[in-house]
Amino acid sequence: MKNVVGAFVLSLLLASTANAQGLPEQSLWKNTKGSLLLITKADKEKNSFSGTFVNYAAGYACNGVPVRITGTISGNDVSMVANFEPCAATITIFKGTLSGSSLNITFDLRYVDKNHTFQQAQGSDVFTKQN
């Protein structure tokens, strides 16, 4: 019985360590469209993180402009939000799954076009850890 309890506790410790290290501070991630995600702060107690997102995807506003991103991580599930207000009336919600050095995400981009009409774009992408 002691061995079973010991194995269970060890597995919990290893799982929490892996999750805490999943999006470590100062980690740099790049997606297939060339955009960058830099995690600058990770709060393990609150399962939250913040950092900077720089969009380099063609055809989107704010290309090359760094914006703040905040998010949460629960197990391997990641959610984050980027507000592009400094250069456009755009907000993007990312949701995905972390697997080793890959973060597979879907995104929901909401913005106001030049005619002041709400628009929406959705898609998916993969971020790969660079460091």
N, C-alpha and C. Protein backbone atom coordinates (compact mmCIF):
# COMPACT_ATOMS: atom_id res chain seq x y z
N MET A 1 0.82 -1.19 0.00
CA MET A 1 0.00 0.00 0.00
C MET A 1 0.87 1.26 0.00
N LYS A 2 1.96 1.22 0.80
CA LYS A 2 2.85 2.37 0.84
C LYS A 2 3.45 2.64 -0.53
N ASN A 3 3.77 1.58 -1.27
CA ASN A 3 4.34 1.76 -2.61
C ASN A 3 3.36 2.42 -3.55
N VAL A 4 2.08 2.05 -3.44
CA VAL A 4 1.05 2.63 -4.30
C VAL A 4 0.89 4.11 -3.99
N VAL A 5 0.82 4.45 -2.70
CA VAL A 5 0.70 5.85 -2.30
C VAL A 5 1.93 6.64 -2.72
N GLY A 6 3.10 6.06 -2.52
CA GLY A 6 4.34 6.73 -2.91
C GLY A 6 4.40 6.98 -4.41
N ALA A 7 3.99 5.99 -5.19
CA ALA A 7 3.98 6.15 -6.65
C ALA A 7 2.99 7.23 -7.07
N PHE A 8 1.84 7.28 -6.40
CA PHE A 8 0.83 8.28 -6.71
C PHE A 8 1.35 9.69 -6.42
N VAL A 9 1.95 9.88 -5.26
CA VAL A 9 2.51 11.19 -4.89
C VAL A 9 3.61 11.59 -5.86
N LEU A 10 4.48 10.65 -6.22
CA LEU A 10 5.55 10.94 -7.17
C LEU A 10 4.98 11.35 -8.53
N SER A 11 3.94 10.66 -8.98
CA SER A 11 3.36 11.01 -10.27
C SER A 11 2.73 12.40 -10.23
N LEU A 12 2.12 12.78 -9.11
CA LEU A 12 1.56 14.13 -8.98
C LEU A 12 2.66 15.19 -9.02
N LEU A 13 3.76 14.92 -8.33
CA LEU A 13 4.88 15.87 -8.33
C LEU A 13 5.47 16.02 -9.73
N LEU A 14 5.65 14.92 -10.43
CA LEU A 14 6.19 14.99 -11.78
C LEU A 14 5.24 15.70 -12.72
N ALA A 15 3.96 15.47 -12.59
CA ALA A 15 2.98 16.13 -13.45
C ALA A 15 2.96 17.62 -13.20
N SER A 16 2.99 18.04 -11.93
CA SER A 16 2.95 19.48 -11.65
C SER A 16 4.23 20.15 -12.10
N THR A 17 5.37 19.45 -11.98
CA THR A 17 6.63 20.02 -12.46
C THR A 17 6.60 20.18 -13.97
N ALA A 18 6.08 19.18 -14.66
CA ALA A 18 6.01 19.25 -16.12
C ALA A 18 5.11 20.40 -16.55
N ASN A 19 3.97 20.57 -15.89
CA ASN A 19 3.05 21.63 -16.26
C ASN A 19 3.66 23.00 -15.96
N ALA A 20 4.32 23.13 -14.82
CA ALA A 20 4.92 24.41 -14.47
C ALA A 20 6.02 24.77 -15.46
N GLN A 21 6.70 23.77 -15.99
CA GLN A 21 7.79 24.02 -16.92
C GLN A 21 7.30 24.13 -18.36
N GLY A 22 6.01 23.86 -18.60
CA GLY A 22 5.47 23.86 -19.95
C GLY A 22 5.59 25.20 -20.66
N LEU A 23 5.33 26.27 -19.94
CA LEU A 23 5.46 27.63 -20.48
C LEU A 23 6.34 28.44 -19.52
N PRO A 24 7.61 28.12 -19.45
CA PRO A 24 8.48 28.79 -18.48
C PRO A 24 8.77 30.25 -18.85
N GLU A 25 9.10 31.01 -17.83
CA GLU A 25 9.48 32.41 -18.06
C GLU A 25 10.65 32.47 -19.04
N GLN A 26 10.63 33.49 -19.85
CA GLN A 26 11.64 33.77 -20.87
C GLN A 26 11.69 32.72 -21.97
N SER A 27 10.60 31.95 -22.12
CA SER A 27 10.56 31.01 -23.24
C SER A 27 10.01 31.72 -24.47
N LEU A 28 10.58 31.40 -25.61
CA LEU A 28 10.20 32.00 -26.88
C LEU A 28 9.57 30.93 -27.76
N TRP A 29 8.40 31.26 -28.33
CA TRP A 29 7.64 30.34 -29.17
C TRP A 29 7.39 31.01 -30.52
N LYS A 30 7.45 30.23 -31.58
CA LYS A 30 7.21 30.75 -32.93
C LYS A 30 6.18 29.87 -33.61
N ASN A 31 5.20 30.51 -34.28
CA ASN A 31 4.20 29.71 -34.98
C ASN A 31 4.54 29.57 -36.45
N THR A 32 3.73 28.81 -37.17
CA THR A 32 4.03 28.50 -38.57
C THR A 32 3.91 29.72 -39.48
N LYS A 33 3.27 30.79 -39.00
CA LYS A 33 3.13 32.01 -39.78
C LYS A 33 4.23 33.03 -39.43
N GLY A 34 5.16 32.63 -38.54
CA GLY A 34 6.27 33.49 -38.18
C GLY A 34 6.03 34.38 -36.98
N SER A 35 4.83 34.35 -36.39
CA SER A 35 4.55 35.18 -35.22
C SER A 35 5.27 34.65 -34.00
N LEU A 36 5.56 35.55 -33.06
CA LEU A 36 6.34 35.19 -31.87
C LEU A 36 5.54 35.38 -30.60
N LEU A 37 5.76 34.48 -29.65
CA LEU A 37 5.17 34.55 -28.32
C LEU A 37 6.31 34.44 -27.32
N LEU A 38 6.49 35.47 -26.50
CA LEU A 38 7.52 35.46 -25.46
C LEU A 38 6.82 35.46 -24.11
N ILE A 39 7.05 34.41 -23.33
CA ILE A 39 6.49 34.32 -21.98
C ILE A 39 7.47 35.03 -21.05
N THR A 40 7.04 36.13 -20.45
CA THR A 40 7.94 36.89 -19.57
C THR A 40 7.67 36.64 -18.09
N LYS A 41 6.45 36.21 -17.76
CA LYS A 41 6.13 35.93 -16.35
C LYS A 41 5.22 34.72 -16.28
N ALA A 42 5.56 33.81 -15.36
CA ALA A 42 4.74 32.63 -15.12
C ALA A 42 4.47 32.52 -13.62
N ASP A 43 3.20 32.50 -13.25
CA ASP A 43 2.80 32.37 -11.85
C ASP A 43 2.29 30.95 -11.64
N LYS A 44 3.12 30.10 -11.09
CA LYS A 44 2.79 28.69 -10.92
C LYS A 44 1.62 28.49 -9.96
N GLU A 45 1.51 29.34 -8.94
CA GLU A 45 0.43 29.21 -7.96
C GLU A 45 -0.93 29.53 -8.58
N LYS A 46 -0.98 30.49 -9.48
CA LYS A 46 -2.23 30.89 -10.10
C LYS A 46 -2.44 30.24 -11.47
N ASN A 47 -1.46 29.42 -11.90
CA ASN A 47 -1.51 28.79 -13.22
C ASN A 47 -1.73 29.82 -14.32
N SER A 48 -1.07 30.95 -14.19
CA SER A 48 -1.22 32.02 -15.18
C SER A 48 0.14 32.45 -15.71
N PHE A 49 0.09 33.16 -16.84
CA PHE A 49 1.32 33.66 -17.43
C PHE A 49 1.00 34.93 -18.21
N SER A 50 2.04 35.68 -18.52
CA SER A 50 1.89 36.88 -19.34
C SER A 50 3.16 37.04 -20.17
N GLY A 51 3.03 37.88 -21.17
CA GLY A 51 4.17 38.10 -22.03
C GLY A 51 3.84 39.01 -23.18
N THR A 52 4.54 38.78 -24.29
CA THR A 52 4.40 39.62 -25.47
C THR A 52 4.14 38.74 -26.69
N PHE A 53 3.21 39.19 -27.52
CA PHE A 53 2.92 38.52 -28.78
C PHE A 53 3.22 39.49 -29.91
N VAL A 54 3.92 39.02 -30.93
CA VAL A 54 4.21 39.84 -32.11
C VAL A 54 3.68 39.09 -33.33
N ASN A 55 2.69 39.68 -33.98
CA ASN A 55 2.08 39.07 -35.16
C ASN A 55 2.92 39.35 -36.40
N TYR A 56 3.26 38.29 -37.12
CA TYR A 56 3.93 38.43 -38.41
C TYR A 56 3.15 37.75 -39.53
N ALA A 57 1.92 37.33 -39.24
CA ALA A 57 1.10 36.68 -40.26
C ALA A 57 0.65 37.70 -41.29
N ALA A 58 0.81 37.36 -42.55
CA ALA A 58 0.42 38.26 -43.64
C ALA A 58 -1.09 38.49 -43.64
N GLY A 59 -1.48 39.72 -43.94
CA GLY A 59 -2.88 40.05 -44.08
C GLY A 59 -3.59 40.46 -42.81
N TYR A 60 -2.89 40.52 -41.70
CA TYR A 60 -3.49 40.93 -40.43
C TYR A 60 -2.92 42.27 -39.99
N ALA A 61 -3.73 43.03 -39.25
CA ALA A 61 -3.28 44.33 -38.73
C ALA A 61 -2.19 44.13 -37.68
N CYS A 62 -1.50 45.20 -37.38
CA CYS A 62 -0.49 45.23 -36.31
C CYS A 62 0.71 44.34 -36.60
N ASN A 63 1.01 44.11 -37.85
CA ASN A 63 2.14 43.28 -38.22
C ASN A 63 3.43 43.85 -37.67
N GLY A 64 4.13 43.07 -36.85
CA GLY A 64 5.40 43.49 -36.27
C GLY A 64 5.28 44.34 -35.01
N VAL A 65 4.05 44.56 -34.53
CA VAL A 65 3.84 45.38 -33.34
C VAL A 65 3.69 44.48 -32.11
N PRO A 66 4.57 44.62 -31.11
CA PRO A 66 4.44 43.79 -29.92
C PRO A 66 3.24 44.23 -29.07
N VAL A 67 2.43 43.24 -28.63
CA VAL A 67 1.29 43.52 -27.76
C VAL A 67 1.32 42.57 -26.57
N ARG A 68 0.69 43.00 -25.50
CA ARG A 68 0.63 42.19 -24.27
C ARG A 68 -0.29 40.99 -24.48
N ILE A 69 0.11 39.87 -23.90
CA ILE A 69 -0.73 38.67 -23.92
C ILE A 69 -0.78 38.11 -22.50
N THR A 70 -1.95 37.64 -22.09
CA THR A 70 -2.11 37.02 -20.77
C THR A 70 -2.82 35.70 -20.97
N GLY A 71 -2.57 34.76 -20.05
CA GLY A 71 -3.21 33.48 -20.21
C GLY A 71 -3.17 32.62 -18.97
N THR A 72 -3.79 31.45 -19.11
CA THR A 72 -3.82 30.47 -18.04
C THR A 72 -3.44 29.11 -18.61
N ILE A 73 -2.95 28.25 -17.72
CA ILE A 73 -2.62 26.89 -18.11
C ILE A 73 -3.19 25.95 -17.05
N SER A 74 -3.88 24.93 -17.49
CA SER A 74 -4.45 23.93 -16.60
C SER A 74 -4.12 22.56 -17.18
N GLY A 75 -3.20 21.87 -16.55
CA GLY A 75 -2.70 20.63 -17.14
C GLY A 75 -1.98 20.97 -18.42
N ASN A 76 -2.46 20.44 -19.53
CA ASN A 76 -1.88 20.76 -20.84
C ASN A 76 -2.74 21.74 -21.63
N ASP A 77 -3.84 22.19 -21.04
CA ASP A 77 -4.74 23.12 -21.72
C ASP A 77 -4.29 24.57 -21.49
N VAL A 78 -4.15 25.31 -22.58
CA VAL A 78 -3.68 26.69 -22.53
C VAL A 78 -4.73 27.61 -23.14
N SER A 79 -5.01 28.72 -22.47
CA SER A 79 -5.88 29.77 -23.00
C SER A 79 -5.14 31.09 -22.85
N MET A 80 -5.21 31.93 -23.87
CA MET A 80 -4.55 33.24 -23.79
C MET A 80 -5.28 34.25 -24.66
N VAL A 81 -5.10 35.52 -24.29
CA VAL A 81 -5.77 36.62 -24.98
C VAL A 81 -4.75 37.70 -25.31
N ALA A 82 -4.79 38.18 -26.55
CA ALA A 82 -3.95 39.30 -26.99
C ALA A 82 -4.87 40.44 -27.39
N ASN A 83 -4.60 41.62 -26.84
CA ASN A 83 -5.37 42.82 -27.16
C ASN A 83 -4.49 43.72 -28.02
N PHE A 84 -4.91 43.94 -29.25
CA PHE A 84 -4.13 44.72 -30.21
C PHE A 84 -4.51 46.20 -30.22
N GLU A 85 -5.17 46.67 -29.18
CA GLU A 85 -5.67 48.04 -29.12
C GLU A 85 -4.63 49.11 -29.45
N PRO A 86 -3.38 48.94 -29.15
CA PRO A 86 -2.44 50.01 -29.50
C PRO A 86 -2.43 50.37 -30.98
N CYS A 87 -2.78 49.39 -31.85
CA CYS A 87 -2.71 49.70 -33.28
C CYS A 87 -3.98 49.34 -34.05
N ALA A 88 -4.88 48.59 -33.45
CA ALA A 88 -6.11 48.20 -34.14
C ALA A 88 -7.17 47.79 -33.12
N ALA A 89 -8.43 47.88 -33.50
CA ALA A 89 -9.53 47.46 -32.63
C ALA A 89 -9.71 45.95 -32.80
N THR A 90 -8.74 45.20 -32.27
CA THR A 90 -8.71 43.75 -32.45
C THR A 90 -8.36 43.06 -31.14
N ILE A 91 -9.02 41.93 -30.89
CA ILE A 91 -8.69 41.06 -29.77
C ILE A 91 -8.67 39.64 -30.30
N THR A 92 -7.70 38.85 -29.85
CA THR A 92 -7.59 37.46 -30.30
C THR A 92 -7.55 36.55 -29.08
N ILE A 93 -8.38 35.52 -29.13
CA ILE A 93 -8.43 34.51 -28.08
C ILE A 93 -7.81 33.23 -28.65
N PHE A 94 -6.81 32.72 -27.95
CA PHE A 94 -6.13 31.49 -28.35
C PHE A 94 -6.48 30.40 -27.34
N LYS A 95 -6.79 29.21 -27.81
CA LYS A 95 -7.00 28.06 -26.94
C LYS A 95 -6.29 26.88 -27.56
N GLY A 96 -5.61 26.10 -26.71
CA GLY A 96 -4.89 24.98 -27.28
C GLY A 96 -4.38 24.00 -26.27
N THR A 97 -3.56 23.09 -26.78
CA THR A 97 -3.00 22.01 -25.99
C THR A 97 -1.48 22.01 -26.13
N LEU A 98 -0.83 21.95 -24.99
CA LEU A 98 0.63 21.91 -24.93
C LEU A 98 1.08 20.46 -24.92
N SER A 99 2.02 20.14 -25.81
CA SER A 99 2.56 18.79 -25.88
C SER A 99 4.06 18.91 -26.13
N GLY A 100 4.83 18.80 -25.07
CA GLY A 100 6.29 18.95 -25.18
C GLY A 100 6.65 20.34 -25.63
N SER A 101 7.33 20.46 -26.77
CA SER A 101 7.75 21.77 -27.26
C SER A 101 6.79 22.31 -28.32
N SER A 102 5.58 21.76 -28.39
CA SER A 102 4.57 22.24 -29.35
C SER A 102 3.31 22.69 -28.62
N LEU A 103 2.74 23.76 -29.11
CA LEU A 103 1.48 24.29 -28.60
C LEU A 103 0.52 24.38 -29.80
N ASN A 104 -0.42 23.46 -29.87
CA ASN A 104 -1.41 23.42 -30.94
C ASN A 104 -2.60 24.27 -30.52
N ILE A 105 -2.91 25.30 -31.30
CA ILE A 105 -3.94 26.24 -30.89
C ILE A 105 -5.00 26.45 -31.98
N THR A 106 -6.15 26.91 -31.50
CA THR A 106 -7.14 27.50 -32.38
C THR A 106 -7.24 28.95 -31.95
N PHE A 107 -7.60 29.83 -32.87
CA PHE A 107 -7.74 31.23 -32.49
C PHE A 107 -9.05 31.78 -33.00
N ASP A 108 -9.55 32.75 -32.26
CA ASP A 108 -10.78 33.46 -32.58
C ASP A 108 -10.44 34.94 -32.53
N LEU A 109 -10.34 35.55 -33.69
CA LEU A 109 -9.94 36.96 -33.83
C LEU A 109 -11.20 37.79 -34.06
N ARG A 110 -11.41 38.80 -33.24
CA ARG A 110 -12.56 39.70 -33.38
C ARG A 110 -12.03 41.11 -33.59
N TYR A 111 -12.61 41.81 -34.56
CA TYR A 111 -12.13 43.15 -34.85
C TYR A 111 -13.24 44.01 -35.44
N VAL A 112 -12.98 45.31 -35.47
CA VAL A 112 -13.89 46.28 -36.06
C VAL A 112 -13.23 46.76 -37.36
N ASP A 113 -13.94 46.60 -38.48
CA ASP A 113 -13.36 46.99 -39.77
C ASP A 113 -13.47 48.50 -40.01
N LYS A 114 -12.99 48.96 -41.16
CA LYS A 114 -12.97 50.40 -41.45
C LYS A 114 -14.37 51.00 -41.56
N ASN A 115 -15.40 50.16 -41.72
CA ASN A 115 -16.78 50.63 -41.74
C ASN A 115 -17.45 50.54 -40.36
N HIS A 116 -16.63 50.28 -39.34
CA HIS A 116 -17.09 50.16 -37.96
C HIS A 116 -18.06 49.00 -37.77
N THR A 117 -17.82 47.91 -38.48
CA THR A 117 -18.62 46.71 -38.39
C THR A 117 -17.79 45.61 -37.72
N PHE A 118 -18.40 44.89 -36.78
CA PHE A 118 -17.69 43.79 -36.12
C PHE A 118 -17.47 42.65 -37.10
N GLN A 119 -16.24 42.12 -37.09
CA GLN A 119 -15.86 41.00 -37.94
C GLN A 119 -15.21 39.92 -37.09
N GLN A 120 -15.15 38.72 -37.65
CA GLN A 120 -14.55 37.60 -36.93
C GLN A 120 -13.78 36.73 -37.91
N ALA A 121 -12.62 36.25 -37.47
CA ALA A 121 -11.83 35.30 -38.24
C ALA A 121 -11.38 34.19 -37.28
N GLN A 122 -11.40 32.97 -37.76
CA GLN A 122 -10.98 31.85 -36.93
C GLN A 122 -9.97 31.00 -37.69
N GLY A 123 -9.16 30.30 -36.94
CA GLY A 123 -8.19 29.43 -37.57
C GLY A 123 -7.44 28.59 -36.55
N SER A 124 -6.39 27.95 -37.00
CA SER A 124 -5.57 27.14 -36.11
C SER A 124 -4.11 27.31 -36.50
N ASP A 125 -3.24 26.96 -35.59
CA ASP A 125 -1.81 27.09 -35.83
C ASP A 125 -1.06 26.26 -34.81
N VAL A 126 0.24 26.19 -34.97
CA VAL A 126 1.12 25.47 -34.03
C VAL A 126 2.28 26.38 -33.68
N PHE A 127 2.49 26.57 -32.38
CA PHE A 127 3.67 27.28 -31.87
C PHE A 127 4.70 26.21 -31.49
N THR A 128 5.97 26.47 -31.78
CA THR A 128 7.06 25.58 -31.41
C THR A 128 8.03 26.37 -30.54
N LYS A 129 8.43 25.75 -29.43
CA LYS A 129 9.36 26.39 -28.51
C LYS A 129 10.72 26.55 -29.17
N GLN A 130 11.29 27.76 -29.09
CA GLN A 130 12.56 28.07 -29.74
C GLN A 130 13.76 27.99 -28.82
N ASN A 131 13.56 28.08 -27.53
CA ASN A 131 14.70 28.03 -26.58
C ASN A 131 14.41 27.15 -25.40
